[in-house]
Amino acid sequence: MSAKKMTVVDVRSREEYASGHVVDSLNIPLNELPANIDKLKAIDGDIVLCCASGMRSSMARQILMQQGISNVADGGPWTSVQYQIVNNLM
């Protein structure tokens, strides 16, 4: 990831997101990604995807890459992304 602006997108369900999430992250459940491609393409900076274990975020990255969105990384579990942000590792 580069030093430019970063947006965290959590692809878990709304219920999972409500139980805990990365501060200031967007919640777009995996099954809603296709309907939100234009919104994601409009994001300025890098996109870091997260979920519960890393499986859905990996699938989400593949979907976005197939749609021509290349500024995307799989962050894995949201707790790992949160840890990295809090400790200035991202």
Protein backbone atom coordinates (compact mmCIF):
# COMPACT_ATOMS: atom_id res chain seq x y z
CA MET A 1 0.00 0.00 0.00
CA SER A 2 1.19 3.48 -0.70
CA ALA A 3 1.31 6.45 1.64
CA LYS A 4 -1.76 8.04 0.08
CA LYS A 5 -5.27 8.03 1.50
CA MET A 6 -6.72 4.67 2.54
CA THR A 7 -10.32 3.49 2.87
CA VAL A 8 -11.16 0.31 4.77
CA VAL A 9 -14.11 -1.62 3.36
CA ASP A 10 -15.58 -4.33 5.59
CA VAL A 11 -17.37 -6.98 3.51
CA ARG A 12 -19.10 -8.75 6.42
CA SER A 13 -22.85 -8.69 6.95
CA ARG A 14 -24.44 -5.65 8.57
CA GLU A 15 -25.01 -7.66 11.75
CA GLU A 16 -21.38 -8.72 11.97
CA TYR A 17 -20.24 -5.15 11.30
CA ALA A 18 -22.50 -3.84 14.07
CA SER A 19 -20.82 -6.19 16.55
CA GLY A 20 -17.43 -4.54 15.98
CA HIS A 21 -15.49 -2.96 13.13
CA VAL A 22 -12.56 -0.79 12.12
CA VAL A 23 -13.28 2.83 13.05
CA ASP A 24 -14.38 4.90 10.02
CA SER A 25 -14.63 1.83 7.77
CA LEU A 26 -17.34 1.36 5.15
CA ASN A 27 -19.62 -1.66 5.37
CA ILE A 28 -20.44 -3.14 1.98
CA PRO A 29 -21.38 -6.83 2.41
CA LEU A 30 -19.76 -9.17 -0.13
CA ASN A 31 -23.06 -9.92 -1.85
CA GLU A 32 -23.63 -6.16 -2.36
CA LEU A 33 -20.26 -5.45 -4.01
CA PRO A 34 -21.53 -5.74 -7.61
CA ALA A 35 -24.18 -3.06 -6.95
CA ASN A 36 -21.53 -0.76 -5.45
CA ILE A 37 -18.77 -1.00 -8.06
CA ASP A 38 -19.18 2.63 -9.16
CA LYS A 39 -18.98 3.81 -5.53
CA LEU A 40 -15.81 1.79 -5.02
CA LYS A 41 -14.25 3.03 -8.26
CA ALA A 42 -14.81 6.59 -7.04
CA ILE A 43 -12.78 6.06 -3.85
CA ASP A 44 -9.72 8.29 -3.82
CA GLY A 45 -6.72 6.32 -2.61
CA ASP A 46 -6.17 2.72 -1.66
CA ILE A 47 -8.91 0.30 -0.61
CA VAL A 48 -8.18 -2.23 2.15
CA LEU A 49 -10.74 -5.01 2.39
CA CYS A 50 -11.48 -6.90 5.60
CA CYS A 51 -13.92 -9.44 7.01
CA ALA A 52 -13.94 -11.96 9.86
CA SER A 53 -11.25 -14.44 8.76
CA GLY A 54 -9.92 -13.19 5.44
CA MET A 55 -11.94 -15.50 3.18
CA ARG A 56 -14.58 -12.97 2.09
CA SER A 57 -12.06 -10.15 1.80
CA SER A 58 -9.99 -12.34 -0.54
CA MET A 59 -13.06 -13.04 -2.66
CA ALA A 60 -13.94 -9.34 -2.64
CA ARG A 61 -10.45 -8.44 -3.89
CA GLN A 62 -10.86 -10.84 -6.81
CA ILE A 63 -14.24 -9.31 -7.68
CA LEU A 64 -12.88 -5.76 -7.58
CA MET A 65 -9.76 -6.65 -9.58
CA GLN A 66 -11.98 -8.23 -12.25
CA GLN A 67 -13.89 -4.94 -12.41
CA GLY A 68 -10.70 -3.00 -13.07
CA ILE A 69 -10.17 -1.70 -9.52
CA SER A 70 -6.46 -2.17 -8.93
CA ASN A 71 -5.91 0.04 -5.86
CA VAL A 72 -7.17 -2.73 -3.59
CA ALA A 73 -5.56 -4.97 -0.96
CA ASP A 74 -6.83 -7.86 1.13
CA GLY A 75 -6.34 -6.87 4.76
CA GLY A 76 -7.74 -10.15 6.12
CA PRO A 77 -9.53 -10.15 9.48
CA TRP A 78 -10.88 -6.78 10.58
CA THR A 79 -9.18 -7.15 13.95
CA SER A 80 -5.78 -7.39 12.21
CA VAL A 81 -6.52 -4.29 10.14
CA GLN A 82 -7.61 -2.42 13.28
CA TYR A 83 -4.40 -3.48 15.07
CA GLN A 84 -2.25 -2.29 12.17
CA ILE A 85 -4.03 1.06 11.99
CA VAL A 86 -3.86 1.67 15.76
CA ASN A 87 -0.15 0.83 15.77
CA ASN A 88 0.57 2.92 12.63
CA LEU A 89 1.63 -0.14 10.66
CA MET A 90 -0.59 0.79 7.69
